[in-house]
Amino acid sequence: MVTIYDIARATGYSAPTVSRALTGTGKLTQATRKKIISTANEMGYEPNSIARSLSTKKTNLIGIIYDDIQMARGFTHPLFSGVLDTFREAVEKQGYDIIFLSRYFKMSYLAHARYRAVEGVAIINPETGHYTKYEEFSGDDIPCVSTSAIIPGICSVLSENEEAGYQAAKFLVSMGHKKIAYLSGPFDSYSMAAIERYTGFKRALSDCGIAMDESYFEKCDAWYARSGKEGFERLYARHSDMTAVFTSSDLLATGIMQAAGEKGIRLPDDLSIIGFDDDKVSEFITPSLTTFRQNSRMIAQKAAELLLGAIGGKKIESDFVRIPAEFIVRDSVKRLES
């Protein structure tokens, strides 16, 4: 392995001068710096990143927290896989690498982040029900952003969930529906997507002069398609007269479709459905699913911008940044004749 001492011997300069040339520091003439760098390249010199990080306290590493126990989608999740991919691309362009902080280490996430000497942390998809373990970052000197959960003291970049719920209900009412149900994913005080979508949904119904009958609301115990099927069956037992249902994820919507098929409910003739997430299969199932597409690219770019700024010493001013979701109209909603 070529060292700075080898380069010093080859160029006739001192080791400290070679070091300053290679790190871009110190006051050297352009000719000196050019000669040293050219010689280093010819000799195949590769900088020792570990030694450099010890001297500069910069590792150019960003820790990623990505857990997906409840949905069990892993890196195929329709939102978070896209967020992760774009986030990685954005930080790599600025000279950073990413490293995953595993929940299986026998230490806290914060301790693991310190152990790996990361300069910042992005919570892409945290472990549901254990959010307090992430609050440690809010009082620490390692900058942190979240793209999913709302964690006190940490800036979260999220979709405009309430506005999407509002838009879904308004659209169904505009299509002639009045007996409209909401099938929800689990409510969580940290990951509030399902709650926010329901809030917007109810507000739109109220604005349209329709009082929300809470018996048309059903909450699922998980985000799986099976939970959607079971939740819809409970809902249908109370209200077989409903003509439309908005659900807080496409996975739950596929569960509704399965239950509807078993019951002989024709889609969308007897029942219209709106989902959320624009999952990969949503365009190709029958009927193709009207849904919302979250802007994973914009969420990731904003999160990367905020985190890199914080690493550079810029204070993150906001607790929340909201990104609009795109409404995708397909074939799963039918207009009712008045």
Protein backbone atom coordinates (compact mmCIF):
# COMPACT_ATOMS: atom_id res chain seq x y z
CA MET A 1 0.00 0.00 0.00
CA VAL A 2 1.36 3.41 -1.04
CA THR A 3 1.74 5.87 1.86
CA ILE A 4 2.32 9.61 2.02
CA TYR A 5 5.94 8.82 2.94
CA ASP A 6 6.40 6.98 -0.36
CA ILE A 7 4.99 9.99 -2.20
CA ALA A 8 7.25 12.30 -0.19
CA ARG A 9 10.34 10.31 -1.26
CA ALA A 10 9.19 10.31 -4.90
CA THR A 11 8.50 14.05 -5.04
CA GLY A 12 11.16 15.38 -2.70
CA TYR A 13 8.63 17.13 -0.49
CA SER A 14 8.09 16.51 3.23
CA ALA A 15 5.34 14.18 4.45
CA PRO A 16 3.36 17.09 6.01
CA THR A 17 3.48 18.95 2.69
CA VAL A 18 2.23 15.84 0.86
CA SER A 19 -0.57 15.47 3.42
CA ARG A 20 -1.67 19.09 2.95
CA ALA A 21 -1.69 18.68 -0.82
CA LEU A 22 -3.78 15.52 -0.72
CA THR A 23 -6.31 16.89 1.79
CA GLY A 24 -6.60 20.28 0.10
CA THR A 25 -5.39 22.15 3.17
CA GLY A 26 -2.52 24.53 3.83
CA LYS A 27 -0.95 27.22 1.68
CA LEU A 28 0.78 25.48 -1.22
CA THR A 29 1.49 26.74 -4.70
CA GLN A 30 -0.66 25.32 -7.46
CA ALA A 31 2.40 23.76 -9.08
CA THR A 32 3.41 21.97 -5.86
CA ARG A 33 -0.10 20.67 -5.20
CA LYS A 34 -0.47 19.53 -8.83
CA LYS A 35 2.85 17.68 -8.81
CA ILE A 36 2.06 15.83 -5.56
CA ILE A 37 -1.46 14.83 -6.62
CA SER A 38 -0.21 13.70 -10.04
CA THR A 39 2.51 11.57 -8.46
CA ALA A 40 0.02 10.10 -5.96
CA ASN A 41 -2.30 9.10 -8.80
CA GLU A 42 0.54 7.53 -10.78
CA MET A 43 1.62 5.51 -7.74
CA GLY A 44 -1.95 4.30 -7.07
CA TYR A 45 -2.29 6.05 -3.72
CA GLU A 46 -5.59 5.48 -1.88
CA PRO A 47 -6.36 7.64 1.18
CA ASN A 48 -6.87 5.90 4.50
CA SER A 49 -10.39 7.00 5.42
CA ILE A 50 -10.14 5.65 8.96
CA ALA A 51 -7.00 7.59 9.75
CA ARG A 52 -8.42 10.70 8.10
CA SER A 53 -11.65 10.46 10.12
CA LEU A 54 -9.66 10.27 13.35
CA SER A 55 -7.84 13.48 12.53
CA THR A 56 -10.73 15.44 11.01
CA LYS A 57 -13.65 13.91 12.98
CA LYS A 58 -15.45 13.47 9.63
CA THR A 59 -16.47 9.99 8.53
CA ASN A 60 -18.87 10.99 5.75
CA LEU A 61 -21.26 8.31 7.02
CA ILE A 62 -25.00 8.68 7.53
CA GLY A 63 -26.87 6.11 9.59
CA ILE A 64 -30.16 4.71 8.27
CA ILE A 65 -32.90 3.24 10.46
CA TYR A 66 -35.17 1.06 8.32
CA ASP A 67 -37.34 -1.49 10.11
CA ASP A 68 -40.53 -2.99 8.75
CA ILE A 69 -41.97 -5.54 11.13
CA GLN A 70 -45.68 -4.77 10.92
CA MET A 71 -46.09 -4.54 7.14
CA ALA A 72 -43.36 -7.08 6.36
CA ARG A 73 -42.65 -5.41 3.02
CA GLY A 74 -38.94 -4.82 3.53
CA PHE A 75 -37.35 -2.93 0.65
CA THR A 76 -40.47 -3.46 -1.50
CA HIS A 77 -42.55 -0.98 0.51
CA PRO A 78 -44.25 1.39 -2.00
CA LEU A 79 -43.17 4.54 -0.15
CA PHE A 80 -40.10 3.83 1.94
CA SER A 81 -38.15 1.86 -0.67
CA GLY A 82 -38.37 4.88 -2.98
CA VAL A 83 -37.44 7.24 -0.14
CA LEU A 84 -34.39 5.15 0.72
CA ASP A 85 -33.21 4.92 -2.89
CA THR A 86 -33.52 8.66 -3.56
CA PHE A 87 -32.04 9.58 -0.17
CA ARG A 88 -28.99 7.40 -0.84
CA GLU A 89 -28.57 8.99 -4.26
CA ALA A 90 -28.84 12.52 -2.83
CA VAL A 91 -26.27 12.07 -0.04
CA GLU A 92 -23.84 10.13 -2.24
CA LYS A 93 -23.72 13.09 -4.61
CA GLN A 94 -22.43 15.10 -1.65
CA GLY A 95 -19.73 12.57 -0.81
CA TYR A 96 -21.55 10.58 1.91
CA ASP A 97 -22.08 6.85 2.32
CA ILE A 98 -24.97 5.24 4.18
CA ILE A 99 -24.83 2.52 6.80
CA PHE A 100 -27.78 0.70 8.39
CA LEU A 101 -28.20 0.87 12.15
CA SER A 102 -29.53 -2.54 13.13
CA ARG A 103 -32.06 -3.15 15.88
CA TYR A 104 -30.41 -6.54 16.48
CA PHE A 105 -27.25 -4.98 17.95
CA LYS A 106 -27.10 -5.25 21.73
CA MET A 107 -27.09 -1.48 22.08
CA SER A 108 -29.47 1.41 21.48
CA TYR A 109 -29.76 3.05 18.07
CA LEU A 110 -28.00 6.10 19.46
CA ALA A 111 -25.15 4.00 20.88
CA HIS A 112 -24.87 2.19 17.55
CA ALA A 113 -24.75 5.54 15.73
CA ARG A 114 -21.91 6.68 17.98
CA TYR A 115 -20.13 3.34 17.60
CA ARG A 116 -20.23 3.74 13.81
CA ALA A 117 -19.28 7.42 14.14
CA VAL A 118 -22.03 8.53 11.77
CA GLU A 119 -22.44 12.25 11.19
CA GLY A 120 -26.23 12.14 10.91
CA VAL A 121 -29.19 9.74 11.06
CA ALA A 122 -32.23 9.32 8.82
CA ILE A 123 -35.17 7.42 10.31
CA ILE A 124 -36.77 6.08 7.13
CA ASN A 125 -39.12 3.48 8.60
CA PRO A 126 -38.96 2.93 12.37
CA GLU A 127 -40.10 -0.09 14.34
CA THR A 128 -43.77 0.42 15.22
CA GLY A 129 -44.58 0.65 18.91
CA HIS A 130 -41.03 1.39 20.06
CA TYR A 131 -40.68 5.05 19.12
CA THR A 132 -39.36 6.23 22.47
CA LYS A 133 -36.02 4.62 21.62
CA TYR A 134 -35.64 7.18 18.80
CA GLU A 135 -36.30 10.18 21.05
CA GLU A 136 -32.71 9.88 22.31
CA PHE A 137 -31.59 11.57 19.09
CA SER A 138 -33.62 14.71 19.83
CA GLY A 139 -31.30 15.76 22.64
CA ASP A 140 -28.06 14.52 21.10
CA ASP A 141 -25.48 16.24 18.92
CA ILE A 142 -26.01 13.79 16.02
CA PRO A 143 -28.44 15.49 13.58
CA CYS A 144 -31.53 13.42 12.75
CA VAL A 145 -34.54 13.56 10.43
CA SER A 146 -37.58 11.29 10.06
CA THR A 147 -39.60 10.40 6.96
CA SER A 148 -42.32 8.45 8.72
CA ALA A 149 -42.93 8.84 12.43
CA ILE A 150 -43.55 12.08 14.29
CA ILE A 151 -40.89 12.01 17.00
CA PRO A 152 -40.61 14.91 19.48
CA GLY A 153 -37.56 17.09 18.79
CA ILE A 154 -36.87 15.57 15.37
CA CYS A 155 -37.96 17.14 12.08
CA SER A 156 -40.34 14.90 10.11
CA VAL A 157 -40.83 15.07 6.33
CA LEU A 158 -44.29 13.63 5.67
CA SER A 159 -47.06 13.48 3.11
CA GLU A 160 -50.05 15.82 3.42
CA ASN A 161 -52.20 13.00 4.76
CA GLU A 162 -55.08 15.10 6.01
CA GLU A 163 -55.43 16.89 2.68
CA ALA A 164 -55.44 13.52 0.89
CA GLY A 165 -58.22 12.21 3.13
CA TYR A 166 -60.20 15.37 2.45
CA GLN A 167 -59.73 14.97 -1.29
CA ALA A 168 -60.81 11.32 -1.21
CA ALA A 169 -64.10 12.06 0.54
CA LYS A 170 -64.84 15.07 -1.68
CA PHE A 171 -64.27 12.96 -4.78
CA LEU A 172 -66.59 10.20 -3.60
CA VAL A 173 -69.32 12.71 -2.76
CA SER A 174 -68.86 14.35 -6.18
CA MET A 175 -69.45 10.90 -7.71
CA GLY A 176 -72.83 10.68 -5.98
CA HIS A 177 -71.88 8.61 -2.93
CA LYS A 178 -73.34 9.36 0.52
CA LYS A 179 -72.98 6.08 2.41
CA ILE A 180 -69.21 6.17 2.59
CA ALA A 181 -67.07 4.10 4.96
CA TYR A 182 -63.49 4.49 6.12
CA LEU A 183 -61.37 1.37 6.70
CA SER A 184 -58.33 2.41 8.69
CA GLY A 185 -54.90 1.06 9.38
CA PRO A 186 -53.79 0.99 13.04
CA PHE A 187 -53.83 4.29 14.92
CA ASP A 188 -50.50 5.32 16.41
CA SER A 189 -49.58 8.49 18.30
CA TYR A 190 -46.22 8.64 16.49
CA SER A 191 -47.01 7.30 13.02
CA MET A 192 -50.21 9.24 12.48
CA ALA A 193 -50.91 8.69 8.77
CA ALA A 194 -54.15 6.75 9.31
CA ILE A 195 -55.40 9.27 11.89
CA GLU A 196 -54.60 12.26 9.69
CA ARG A 197 -56.31 10.74 6.65
CA TYR A 198 -59.41 10.05 8.74
CA THR A 199 -59.40 13.63 10.06
CA GLY A 200 -59.39 15.03 6.53
CA PHE A 201 -62.00 12.50 5.43
CA LYS A 202 -64.45 13.55 8.17
CA ARG A 203 -63.85 17.24 7.55
CA ALA A 204 -64.71 16.85 3.87
CA LEU A 205 -67.93 14.99 4.65
CA SER A 206 -68.90 17.75 7.08
CA ASP A 207 -68.16 20.41 4.46
CA CYS A 208 -70.44 18.50 2.06
CA GLY A 209 -73.25 18.42 4.61
CA ILE A 210 -72.88 14.73 5.47
CA ALA A 211 -72.61 13.84 9.13
CA MET A 212 -70.05 11.12 9.74
CA ASP A 213 -71.70 8.09 11.30
CA GLU A 214 -68.90 6.46 13.33
CA SER A 215 -70.42 3.03 12.67
CA TYR A 216 -69.11 3.46 9.11
CA PHE A 217 -65.59 3.53 10.56
CA GLU A 218 -63.57 0.36 11.14
CA LYS A 219 -59.97 0.08 12.33
CA CYS A 220 -57.75 -2.82 11.31
CA ASP A 221 -55.19 -4.31 13.70
CA ALA A 222 -52.41 -4.30 11.09
CA TRP A 223 -51.62 -3.10 7.56
CA TYR A 224 -51.74 -6.57 5.95
CA ALA A 225 -54.24 -7.46 3.22
CA ARG A 226 -55.63 -10.11 5.57
CA SER A 227 -56.40 -7.42 8.15
CA GLY A 228 -58.15 -5.41 5.44
CA LYS A 229 -60.30 -8.40 4.58
CA GLU A 230 -61.21 -9.03 8.21
CA GLY A 231 -61.86 -5.35 8.89
CA PHE A 232 -64.13 -5.05 5.85
CA GLU A 233 -66.11 -8.11 6.92
CA ARG A 234 -66.80 -6.46 10.29
CA LEU A 235 -67.77 -3.25 8.52
CA TYR A 236 -70.00 -5.05 6.02
CA ALA A 237 -71.81 -6.89 8.82
CA ARG A 238 -72.97 -3.47 10.06
CA HIS A 239 -73.43 -1.69 6.75
CA SER A 240 -74.06 -3.84 3.71
CA ASP A 241 -75.70 -0.70 2.26
CA MET A 242 -72.44 1.27 1.91
CA THR A 243 -71.62 2.24 -1.66
CA ALA A 244 -68.02 3.37 -1.22
CA VAL A 245 -65.06 2.90 1.09
CA PHE A 246 -61.84 4.85 1.49
CA THR A 247 -59.01 2.91 3.07
CA SER A 248 -55.66 4.12 4.34
CA SER A 249 -53.52 1.76 2.23
CA ASP A 250 -53.62 -0.24 -0.99
CA LEU A 251 -52.77 -3.41 0.93
CA LEU A 252 -55.96 -3.02 2.97
CA ALA A 253 -57.83 -2.28 -0.28
CA THR A 254 -56.74 -5.62 -1.74
CA GLY A 255 -58.18 -7.29 1.36
CA ILE A 256 -61.47 -5.51 0.69
CA MET A 257 -61.41 -6.76 -2.90
CA GLN A 258 -60.87 -10.34 -1.76
CA ALA A 259 -63.77 -10.16 0.70
CA ALA A 260 -65.99 -8.52 -1.92
CA GLY A 261 -65.26 -11.32 -4.38
CA GLU A 262 -66.21 -13.94 -1.82
CA LYS A 263 -69.47 -12.13 -1.05
CA GLY A 264 -70.42 -11.58 -4.67
CA ILE A 265 -70.06 -7.80 -4.38
CA ARG A 266 -69.32 -6.34 -7.82
CA LEU A 267 -66.58 -3.73 -8.02
CA PRO A 268 -67.15 -0.89 -8.70
CA ASP A 269 -70.85 -1.44 -9.57
CA ASP A 270 -71.88 -2.32 -6.00
CA LEU A 271 -68.91 -0.87 -4.13
CA SER A 272 -66.38 1.82 -5.01
CA ILE A 273 -62.92 1.82 -3.42
CA ILE A 274 -60.14 4.37 -2.95
CA GLY A 275 -56.78 3.22 -1.59
CA PHE A 276 -53.54 4.92 -0.61
CA ASP A 277 -49.87 4.37 -1.64
CA ASP A 278 -50.17 3.44 -5.34
CA ASP A 279 -48.69 0.01 -4.73
CA LYS A 280 -47.11 -1.68 -7.77
CA VAL A 281 -50.09 -3.97 -8.37
CA SER A 282 -52.73 -1.23 -7.99
CA GLU A 283 -52.68 -0.33 -11.67
CA PHE A 284 -53.03 -3.93 -12.84
CA ILE A 285 -55.70 -5.46 -10.58
CA THR A 286 -59.33 -5.48 -11.70
CA PRO A 287 -60.72 -2.93 -11.34
CA SER A 288 -57.54 -0.83 -11.34
CA LEU A 289 -57.38 1.04 -8.04
CA THR A 290 -58.02 4.74 -7.59
CA THR A 291 -55.44 5.78 -5.02
CA PHE A 292 -52.90 8.33 -3.80
CA ARG A 293 -49.24 8.27 -4.79
CA GLN A 294 -46.89 9.65 -2.15
CA ASN A 295 -43.98 11.63 -3.57
CA SER A 296 -41.13 9.50 -2.27
CA ARG A 297 -38.56 11.39 -4.33
CA MET A 298 -39.49 14.81 -2.98
CA ILE A 299 -39.73 13.48 0.58
CA ALA A 300 -36.26 11.96 0.33
CA GLN A 301 -34.68 14.98 -1.32
CA LYS A 302 -36.05 17.30 1.36
CA ALA A 303 -34.94 14.97 4.14
CA ALA A 304 -31.44 14.77 2.65
CA GLU A 305 -31.28 18.55 2.23
CA LEU A 306 -32.25 19.15 5.86
CA LEU A 307 -29.91 16.51 7.27
CA LEU A 308 -26.89 17.56 5.22
CA GLY A 309 -27.55 21.16 6.19
CA ALA A 310 -27.67 20.20 9.85
CA ILE A 311 -24.43 18.24 9.53
CA GLY A 312 -22.90 21.41 8.09
CA GLY A 313 -24.06 23.43 11.09
CA LYS A 314 -27.37 24.79 9.77
CA LYS A 315 -30.24 24.62 12.25
CA ILE A 316 -33.40 22.80 11.17
CA GLU A 317 -36.08 25.41 11.79
CA SER A 318 -39.25 23.33 11.35
CA ASP A 319 -40.67 20.30 13.17
CA PHE A 320 -42.67 19.27 10.09
CA VAL A 321 -42.35 19.50 6.33
CA ARG A 322 -45.39 18.38 4.34
CA ILE A 323 -45.24 17.04 0.78
CA PRO A 324 -48.43 16.78 -1.36
CA ALA A 325 -49.64 13.33 -2.46
CA GLU A 326 -50.87 12.86 -6.02
CA PHE A 327 -54.44 11.63 -6.56
CA ILE A 328 -54.54 8.86 -9.19
CA VAL A 329 -58.01 8.25 -10.67
CA ARG A 330 -58.50 4.78 -12.15
CA ASP A 331 -61.47 2.40 -12.46
CA SER A 332 -62.45 1.45 -8.88
CA VAL A 333 -64.92 4.33 -8.33
CA LYS A 334 -68.30 4.43 -10.09
CA ARG A 335 -70.50 7.47 -10.49
CA LEU A 336 -73.94 6.88 -8.95
CA GLU A 337 -77.00 8.10 -10.77
CA SER A 338 -79.03 10.55 -8.69
